[in-house]
Amino acid sequence: CKAFVKRIEDYSGLKLATGSRSCMTALDHFKVKNVGVITPYQPIADENVRKFFSDIGMNIVKLRGLKCPTAVAIAEVPEEVLRNTLLEMNDDSIEAFVQVGTNLSMVRLADEAERWLGKPVIAINAATWWYALRQNGINDKVYGCGRLLREF
């Protein structure tokens, strides 16, 4: 992965943002360790998600895999399902939520959910966009996409 990133950066002259690096950096900014994770994946892929978060020093308090059967189904998950999942998972042991799976769009809902949950909700697409901007010297504040893009 590092060789691929370097090759793209050398070719483009820009810093590359990967979802994993973006997520790790976002969690560092929020200074949290105990997370709730929402995935669109089947249980076998959820195990890879658990391993990733464990490898970066995070404690997954709760993980909810939505078990979407196809990539198209991931993109069709209703916002209501995501909202209810956040509410069902939420408790005081979770310091932040992370949504993984870039085909599962949760940017707008994450921004709203931060207000009613009172904690960070990191949507992977927002985190990747934020990281790409910041890595390339663009420090504009973006509103409506969560605290990450607004505050860091």
N, C-alpha and C. Protein backbone atom coordinates (compact mmCIF):
# COMPACT_ATOMS: atom_id res chain seq x y z
N CYS A 1 0.82 -1.19 0.00
CA CYS A 1 0.00 0.00 0.00
C CYS A 1 0.87 1.27 0.00
N LYS A 2 1.95 1.26 0.80
CA LYS A 2 2.82 2.44 0.86
C LYS A 2 3.46 2.73 -0.49
N ALA A 3 3.85 1.67 -1.20
CA ALA A 3 4.47 1.86 -2.52
C ALA A 3 3.46 2.45 -3.50
N PHE A 4 2.22 1.97 -3.44
CA PHE A 4 1.16 2.50 -4.30
C PHE A 4 0.93 3.99 -4.02
N VAL A 5 0.81 4.34 -2.74
CA VAL A 5 0.59 5.74 -2.36
C VAL A 5 1.74 6.60 -2.84
N LYS A 6 2.96 6.15 -2.64
CA LYS A 6 4.12 6.93 -3.07
C LYS A 6 4.12 7.12 -4.58
N ARG A 7 3.80 6.07 -5.31
CA ARG A 7 3.78 6.15 -6.78
C ARG A 7 2.74 7.18 -7.24
N ILE A 8 1.56 7.16 -6.66
CA ILE A 8 0.51 8.12 -7.03
C ILE A 8 0.93 9.54 -6.65
N GLU A 9 1.49 9.70 -5.45
CA GLU A 9 1.93 11.04 -5.02
C GLU A 9 3.04 11.57 -5.92
N ASP A 10 4.00 10.72 -6.25
CA ASP A 10 5.09 11.15 -7.14
C ASP A 10 4.56 11.54 -8.51
N TYR A 11 3.63 10.79 -9.02
CA TYR A 11 3.07 11.05 -10.34
C TYR A 11 2.22 12.33 -10.37
N SER A 12 1.39 12.51 -9.33
CA SER A 12 0.43 13.62 -9.34
C SER A 12 0.99 14.91 -8.73
N GLY A 13 1.98 14.77 -7.86
CA GLY A 13 2.47 15.94 -7.15
C GLY A 13 1.57 16.34 -5.99
N LEU A 14 0.59 15.51 -5.69
CA LEU A 14 -0.34 15.78 -4.60
C LEU A 14 -0.23 14.68 -3.55
N LYS A 15 -0.64 15.00 -2.33
CA LYS A 15 -0.70 13.99 -1.27
C LYS A 15 -1.98 13.18 -1.45
N LEU A 16 -1.87 11.88 -1.32
CA LEU A 16 -3.00 10.97 -1.50
C LEU A 16 -3.66 10.70 -0.16
N ALA A 17 -4.97 10.65 -0.16
CA ALA A 17 -5.73 10.34 1.05
C ALA A 17 -6.34 8.96 0.90
N THR A 18 -6.01 8.07 1.82
CA THR A 18 -6.65 6.76 1.86
C THR A 18 -7.65 6.75 3.01
N GLY A 19 -8.65 5.92 2.91
CA GLY A 19 -9.65 5.84 3.97
C GLY A 19 -9.06 5.46 5.31
N SER A 20 -8.14 4.51 5.30
CA SER A 20 -7.56 4.05 6.57
C SER A 20 -6.75 5.15 7.24
N ARG A 21 -5.88 5.81 6.50
CA ARG A 21 -5.07 6.89 7.07
C ARG A 21 -5.97 8.06 7.51
N SER A 22 -6.99 8.35 6.73
CA SER A 22 -7.91 9.44 7.05
C SER A 22 -8.65 9.16 8.35
N CYS A 23 -9.13 7.95 8.49
CA CYS A 23 -9.87 7.56 9.68
C CYS A 23 -8.98 7.61 10.92
N MET A 24 -7.79 7.07 10.79
CA MET A 24 -6.84 7.06 11.90
C MET A 24 -6.51 8.49 12.35
N THR A 25 -6.26 9.37 11.41
CA THR A 25 -5.92 10.76 11.73
C THR A 25 -7.11 11.49 12.34
N ALA A 26 -8.30 11.24 11.81
CA ALA A 26 -9.51 11.87 12.36
C ALA A 26 -9.71 11.46 13.82
N LEU A 27 -9.57 10.18 14.11
CA LEU A 27 -9.74 9.70 15.48
C LEU A 27 -8.69 10.31 16.40
N ASP A 28 -7.47 10.47 15.91
CA ASP A 28 -6.42 11.14 16.70
C ASP A 28 -6.82 12.57 17.04
N HIS A 29 -7.41 13.28 16.09
CA HIS A 29 -7.82 14.67 16.34
C HIS A 29 -8.90 14.75 17.42
N PHE A 30 -9.78 13.78 17.45
CA PHE A 30 -10.84 13.78 18.46
C PHE A 30 -10.37 13.21 19.80
N LYS A 31 -9.17 12.63 19.82
CA LYS A 31 -8.59 12.08 21.05
C LYS A 31 -9.54 11.08 21.73
N VAL A 32 -10.00 10.11 20.95
CA VAL A 32 -10.89 9.08 21.48
C VAL A 32 -10.25 7.71 21.29
N LYS A 33 -10.69 6.75 22.07
CA LYS A 33 -10.21 5.37 21.96
C LYS A 33 -11.36 4.37 21.84
N ASN A 34 -12.53 4.70 22.38
CA ASN A 34 -13.65 3.78 22.44
C ASN A 34 -14.70 4.17 21.40
N VAL A 35 -14.84 3.32 20.38
CA VAL A 35 -15.67 3.70 19.24
C VAL A 35 -16.79 2.69 18.98
N GLY A 36 -17.84 3.22 18.39
CA GLY A 36 -18.90 2.40 17.80
C GLY A 36 -18.71 2.47 16.30
N VAL A 37 -18.80 1.34 15.63
CA VAL A 37 -18.53 1.29 14.19
C VAL A 37 -19.74 0.73 13.45
N ILE A 38 -20.11 1.42 12.38
CA ILE A 38 -21.17 0.95 11.48
C ILE A 38 -20.52 0.56 10.16
N THR A 39 -20.81 -0.64 9.69
CA THR A 39 -20.28 -1.10 8.41
C THR A 39 -21.44 -1.58 7.53
N PRO A 40 -21.25 -1.57 6.22
CA PRO A 40 -22.26 -2.16 5.34
C PRO A 40 -21.98 -3.63 5.07
N TYR A 41 -20.96 -4.18 5.70
CA TYR A 41 -20.38 -5.45 5.30
C TYR A 41 -21.03 -6.68 5.91
N GLN A 42 -20.61 -7.80 5.38
CA GLN A 42 -20.95 -9.12 5.92
C GLN A 42 -19.97 -9.41 7.07
N PRO A 43 -20.31 -10.38 7.95
CA PRO A 43 -19.45 -10.66 9.11
C PRO A 43 -17.98 -10.91 8.79
N ILE A 44 -17.68 -11.58 7.69
CA ILE A 44 -16.28 -11.87 7.38
C ILE A 44 -15.49 -10.58 7.15
N ALA A 45 -16.09 -9.61 6.49
CA ALA A 45 -15.42 -8.33 6.26
C ALA A 45 -15.39 -7.50 7.55
N ASP A 46 -16.41 -7.65 8.38
CA ASP A 46 -16.41 -6.95 9.66
C ASP A 46 -15.20 -7.34 10.51
N GLU A 47 -14.74 -8.58 10.36
CA GLU A 47 -13.55 -9.02 11.10
C GLU A 47 -12.32 -8.23 10.68
N ASN A 48 -12.22 -7.91 9.39
CA ASN A 48 -11.12 -7.06 8.92
C ASN A 48 -11.22 -5.65 9.49
N VAL A 49 -12.43 -5.15 9.62
CA VAL A 49 -12.65 -3.83 10.23
C VAL A 49 -12.20 -3.87 11.69
N ARG A 50 -12.60 -4.90 12.40
CA ARG A 50 -12.18 -5.05 13.81
C ARG A 50 -10.65 -5.08 13.92
N LYS A 51 -10.01 -5.82 13.03
CA LYS A 51 -8.55 -5.92 13.06
C LYS A 51 -7.91 -4.56 12.80
N PHE A 52 -8.41 -3.82 11.82
CA PHE A 52 -7.86 -2.50 11.53
C PHE A 52 -7.94 -1.60 12.76
N PHE A 53 -9.11 -1.50 13.36
CA PHE A 53 -9.24 -0.61 14.51
C PHE A 53 -8.39 -1.07 15.69
N SER A 54 -8.30 -2.35 15.90
CA SER A 54 -7.43 -2.89 16.95
C SER A 54 -5.97 -2.54 16.67
N ASP A 55 -5.56 -2.71 15.41
CA ASP A 55 -4.17 -2.43 15.02
C ASP A 55 -3.79 -0.97 15.23
N ILE A 56 -4.76 -0.05 15.15
CA ILE A 56 -4.44 1.37 15.35
C ILE A 56 -4.72 1.83 16.78
N GLY A 57 -4.97 0.86 17.67
CA GLY A 57 -5.11 1.18 19.08
C GLY A 57 -6.49 1.61 19.52
N MET A 58 -7.50 1.33 18.72
CA MET A 58 -8.87 1.68 19.08
C MET A 58 -9.56 0.48 19.71
N ASN A 59 -10.48 0.76 20.59
CA ASN A 59 -11.31 -0.26 21.21
C ASN A 59 -12.71 -0.16 20.59
N ILE A 60 -13.12 -1.18 19.86
CA ILE A 60 -14.48 -1.19 19.32
C ILE A 60 -15.42 -1.65 20.42
N VAL A 61 -16.20 -0.72 20.93
CA VAL A 61 -17.18 -1.02 21.97
C VAL A 61 -18.35 -1.80 21.36
N LYS A 62 -18.80 -1.31 20.20
CA LYS A 62 -19.89 -1.98 19.47
C LYS A 62 -19.62 -1.84 17.99
N LEU A 63 -19.94 -2.90 17.25
CA LEU A 63 -19.86 -2.87 15.80
C LEU A 63 -21.17 -3.42 15.26
N ARG A 64 -21.74 -2.69 14.33
CA ARG A 64 -22.97 -3.16 13.69
C ARG A 64 -22.72 -3.27 12.19
N GLY A 65 -22.71 -4.50 11.70
CA GLY A 65 -22.60 -4.75 10.27
C GLY A 65 -23.99 -4.86 9.67
N LEU A 66 -24.26 -4.07 8.64
CA LEU A 66 -25.59 -4.05 8.04
C LEU A 66 -25.83 -5.22 7.08
N LYS A 67 -24.78 -5.98 6.77
CA LYS A 67 -24.88 -7.19 5.95
C LYS A 67 -25.52 -6.94 4.59
N CYS A 68 -25.13 -5.86 3.96
CA CYS A 68 -25.65 -5.56 2.61
C CYS A 68 -25.16 -6.63 1.64
N PRO A 69 -26.05 -7.17 0.81
CA PRO A 69 -25.67 -8.29 -0.05
C PRO A 69 -24.83 -7.91 -1.27
N THR A 70 -24.91 -6.66 -1.72
CA THR A 70 -24.18 -6.23 -2.91
C THR A 70 -23.71 -4.79 -2.74
N ALA A 71 -22.80 -4.37 -3.62
CA ALA A 71 -22.33 -2.98 -3.60
C ALA A 71 -23.48 -2.02 -3.88
N VAL A 72 -24.37 -2.39 -4.77
CA VAL A 72 -25.54 -1.54 -5.07
C VAL A 72 -26.42 -1.42 -3.83
N ALA A 73 -26.61 -2.52 -3.12
CA ALA A 73 -27.43 -2.49 -1.90
C ALA A 73 -26.82 -1.58 -0.85
N ILE A 74 -25.51 -1.52 -0.79
CA ILE A 74 -24.85 -0.62 0.16
C ILE A 74 -25.27 0.82 -0.11
N ALA A 75 -25.28 1.21 -1.36
CA ALA A 75 -25.63 2.59 -1.73
C ALA A 75 -27.10 2.89 -1.51
N GLU A 76 -27.92 1.88 -1.34
CA GLU A 76 -29.36 2.07 -1.18
C GLU A 76 -29.84 1.99 0.26
N VAL A 77 -28.94 1.89 1.23
CA VAL A 77 -29.36 1.83 2.63
C VAL A 77 -30.05 3.15 2.98
N PRO A 78 -31.29 3.09 3.45
CA PRO A 78 -32.01 4.32 3.78
C PRO A 78 -31.40 5.04 4.99
N GLU A 79 -31.47 6.35 4.95
CA GLU A 79 -30.94 7.15 6.06
C GLU A 79 -31.61 6.77 7.38
N GLU A 80 -32.87 6.41 7.33
CA GLU A 80 -33.60 6.01 8.54
C GLU A 80 -32.94 4.80 9.21
N VAL A 81 -32.46 3.86 8.42
CA VAL A 81 -31.77 2.68 8.97
C VAL A 81 -30.50 3.11 9.69
N LEU A 82 -29.76 4.01 9.08
CA LEU A 82 -28.52 4.50 9.69
C LEU A 82 -28.81 5.28 10.97
N ARG A 83 -29.83 6.12 10.94
CA ARG A 83 -30.22 6.89 12.12
C ARG A 83 -30.60 5.96 13.26
N ASN A 84 -31.45 4.98 12.97
CA ASN A 84 -31.88 4.03 14.00
C ASN A 84 -30.71 3.21 14.53
N THR A 85 -29.78 2.86 13.67
CA THR A 85 -28.60 2.10 14.09
C THR A 85 -27.77 2.91 15.07
N LEU A 86 -27.54 4.17 14.76
CA LEU A 86 -26.80 5.04 15.69
C LEU A 86 -27.50 5.12 17.04
N LEU A 87 -28.80 5.34 17.02
CA LEU A 87 -29.56 5.48 18.27
C LEU A 87 -29.55 4.18 19.08
N GLU A 88 -29.68 3.04 18.40
CA GLU A 88 -29.67 1.75 19.10
C GLU A 88 -28.30 1.44 19.71
N MET A 89 -27.25 1.82 19.03
CA MET A 89 -25.89 1.52 19.49
C MET A 89 -25.43 2.46 20.59
N ASN A 90 -25.92 3.68 20.59
CA ASN A 90 -25.37 4.73 21.45
C ASN A 90 -25.50 4.41 22.93
N ASP A 91 -24.42 4.60 23.64
CA ASP A 91 -24.41 4.63 25.10
C ASP A 91 -23.16 5.37 25.55
N ASP A 92 -23.02 5.56 26.85
CA ASP A 92 -21.93 6.38 27.38
C ASP A 92 -20.54 5.77 27.18
N SER A 93 -20.46 4.48 26.87
CA SER A 93 -19.15 3.86 26.69
C SER A 93 -18.53 4.20 25.33
N ILE A 94 -19.34 4.70 24.41
CA ILE A 94 -18.86 5.06 23.08
C ILE A 94 -18.49 6.54 23.06
N GLU A 95 -17.23 6.82 22.73
CA GLU A 95 -16.76 8.21 22.66
C GLU A 95 -16.98 8.83 21.29
N ALA A 96 -17.02 8.00 20.26
CA ALA A 96 -17.23 8.48 18.89
C ALA A 96 -17.75 7.32 18.05
N PHE A 97 -18.46 7.67 16.99
CA PHE A 97 -18.90 6.69 16.01
C PHE A 97 -18.09 6.85 14.74
N VAL A 98 -17.85 5.73 14.07
CA VAL A 98 -17.19 5.73 12.77
C VAL A 98 -18.04 4.90 11.82
N GLN A 99 -18.33 5.46 10.65
CA GLN A 99 -19.01 4.72 9.59
C GLN A 99 -17.98 4.41 8.53
N VAL A 100 -17.83 3.14 8.19
CA VAL A 100 -16.88 2.73 7.15
C VAL A 100 -17.65 2.23 5.93
N GLY A 101 -16.93 2.11 4.82
CA GLY A 101 -17.55 1.67 3.58
C GLY A 101 -17.96 2.87 2.75
N THR A 102 -17.13 3.24 1.78
CA THR A 102 -17.34 4.49 1.06
C THR A 102 -18.60 4.51 0.20
N ASN A 103 -19.18 3.37 -0.10
CA ASN A 103 -20.42 3.37 -0.87
C ASN A 103 -21.64 3.60 0.01
N LEU A 104 -21.44 3.61 1.32
CA LEU A 104 -22.50 3.87 2.29
C LEU A 104 -22.38 5.34 2.69
N SER A 105 -23.13 6.20 2.04
CA SER A 105 -22.99 7.63 2.29
C SER A 105 -23.72 8.04 3.56
N MET A 106 -22.97 8.67 4.47
CA MET A 106 -23.55 9.09 5.74
C MET A 106 -23.08 10.49 6.14
N VAL A 107 -22.56 11.26 5.21
CA VAL A 107 -21.97 12.56 5.53
C VAL A 107 -23.00 13.50 6.15
N ARG A 108 -24.12 13.69 5.49
CA ARG A 108 -25.13 14.63 6.00
C ARG A 108 -25.70 14.16 7.34
N LEU A 109 -26.02 12.87 7.44
CA LEU A 109 -26.57 12.35 8.68
C LEU A 109 -25.56 12.45 9.81
N ALA A 110 -24.29 12.21 9.54
CA ALA A 110 -23.26 12.29 10.58
C ALA A 110 -23.23 13.69 11.18
N ASP A 111 -23.33 14.71 10.35
CA ASP A 111 -23.34 16.09 10.84
C ASP A 111 -24.52 16.32 11.78
N GLU A 112 -25.69 15.86 11.40
CA GLU A 112 -26.88 16.00 12.25
C GLU A 112 -26.74 15.17 13.52
N ALA A 113 -26.26 13.95 13.38
CA ALA A 113 -26.17 13.03 14.51
C ALA A 113 -25.23 13.54 15.59
N GLU A 114 -24.19 14.25 15.20
CA GLU A 114 -23.27 14.80 16.21
C GLU A 114 -24.02 15.72 17.17
N ARG A 115 -25.01 16.42 16.68
CA ARG A 115 -25.77 17.32 17.54
C ARG A 115 -26.64 16.55 18.52
N TRP A 116 -27.37 15.51 18.06
CA TRP A 116 -28.25 14.82 18.98
C TRP A 116 -27.59 13.72 19.77
N LEU A 117 -26.42 13.29 19.37
CA LEU A 117 -25.69 12.30 20.17
C LEU A 117 -24.68 12.96 21.11
N GLY A 118 -24.24 14.17 20.75
CA GLY A 118 -23.27 14.87 21.58
C GLY A 118 -21.87 14.28 21.53
N LYS A 119 -21.54 13.64 20.40
CA LYS A 119 -20.21 13.05 20.24
C LYS A 119 -19.86 13.04 18.76
N PRO A 120 -18.58 12.88 18.43
CA PRO A 120 -18.18 12.83 17.02
C PRO A 120 -18.80 11.63 16.30
N VAL A 121 -19.22 11.89 15.07
CA VAL A 121 -19.69 10.84 14.17
C VAL A 121 -18.90 11.02 12.88
N ILE A 122 -17.97 10.12 12.64
CA ILE A 122 -17.05 10.25 11.52
C ILE A 122 -17.53 9.39 10.36
N ALA A 123 -17.99 10.06 9.31
CA ALA A 123 -18.37 9.37 8.07
C ALA A 123 -17.10 9.24 7.24
N ILE A 124 -16.83 8.06 6.72
CA ILE A 124 -15.57 7.81 6.03
C ILE A 124 -15.35 8.73 4.84
N ASN A 125 -16.41 9.06 4.10
CA ASN A 125 -16.23 9.95 2.95
C ASN A 125 -15.85 11.36 3.39
N ALA A 126 -16.44 11.84 4.48
CA ALA A 126 -16.07 13.16 5.00
C ALA A 126 -14.64 13.14 5.52
N ALA A 127 -14.26 12.07 6.20
CA ALA A 127 -12.89 11.97 6.73
C ALA A 127 -11.86 11.95 5.61
N THR A 128 -12.16 11.23 4.54
CA THR A 128 -11.22 11.13 3.42
C THR A 128 -11.10 12.47 2.70
N TRP A 129 -12.21 13.15 2.51
CA TRP A 129 -12.21 14.48 1.89
C TRP A 129 -11.42 15.46 2.75
N TRP A 130 -11.69 15.45 4.07
CA TRP A 130 -10.99 16.32 5.01
C TRP A 130 -9.48 16.08 4.95
N TYR A 131 -9.10 14.82 5.00
CA TYR A 131 -7.68 14.48 5.01
C TYR A 131 -7.01 14.91 3.70
N ALA A 132 -7.68 14.68 2.58
CA ALA A 132 -7.13 15.09 1.28
C ALA A 132 -6.93 16.60 1.23
N LEU A 133 -7.91 17.34 1.71
CA LEU A 133 -7.78 18.81 1.72
C LEU A 133 -6.61 19.24 2.61
N ARG A 134 -6.59 18.76 3.83
CA ARG A 134 -5.57 19.20 4.79
C ARG A 134 -4.17 18.76 4.37
N GLN A 135 -4.04 17.56 3.84
CA GLN A 135 -2.73 17.07 3.39
C GLN A 135 -2.17 17.91 2.25
N ASN A 136 -3.05 18.56 1.52
CA ASN A 136 -2.64 19.35 0.36
C ASN A 136 -2.72 20.85 0.63
N GLY A 137 -2.72 21.22 1.93
CA GLY A 137 -2.63 22.62 2.32
C GLY A 137 -3.90 23.43 2.19
N ILE A 138 -5.03 22.77 2.03
CA ILE A 138 -6.31 23.48 1.94
C ILE A 138 -6.98 23.39 3.31
N ASN A 139 -7.08 24.52 3.99
CA ASN A 139 -7.58 24.53 5.36
C ASN A 139 -8.95 25.17 5.50
N ASP A 140 -9.68 25.28 4.40
CA ASP A 140 -11.03 25.87 4.43
C ASP A 140 -11.92 25.07 5.38
N LYS A 141 -12.77 25.78 6.10
CA LYS A 141 -13.78 25.15 6.94
C LYS A 141 -14.98 24.81 6.05
N VAL A 142 -15.52 23.62 6.22
CA VAL A 142 -16.68 23.18 5.44
C VAL A 142 -17.80 22.89 6.42
N TYR A 143 -18.95 23.49 6.20
CA TYR A 143 -20.09 23.32 7.10
C TYR A 143 -21.10 22.34 6.50
N GLY A 144 -21.78 21.61 7.38
CA GLY A 144 -22.80 20.66 6.94
C GLY A 144 -22.27 19.25 6.72
N CYS A 145 -21.00 19.03 7.04
CA CYS A 145 -20.38 17.72 6.81
C CYS A 145 -19.74 17.16 8.07
N GLY A 146 -20.04 17.73 9.22
CA GLY A 146 -19.51 17.23 10.47
C GLY A 146 -18.41 18.10 11.06
N ARG A 147 -18.15 17.86 12.33
CA ARG A 147 -17.16 18.65 13.08
C ARG A 147 -15.77 18.57 12.47
N LEU A 148 -15.41 17.43 11.95
CA LEU A 148 -14.07 17.24 11.41
C LEU A 148 -13.75 18.31 10.37
N LEU A 149 -14.62 18.49 9.40
CA LEU A 149 -14.38 19.48 8.34
C LEU A 149 -14.61 20.91 8.82
N ARG A 150 -15.36 21.06 9.86
CA ARG A 150 -15.68 22.39 10.39
C ARG A 150 -14.63 22.89 11.38
N GLU A 151 -14.07 22.00 12.18
CA GLU A 151 -13.23 22.42 13.30
C GLU A 151 -11.74 22.11 13.15
N PHE A 152 -11.37 21.16 12.32
CA PHE A 152 -9.96 20.76 12.27
C PHE A 152 -9.34 21.02 10.91
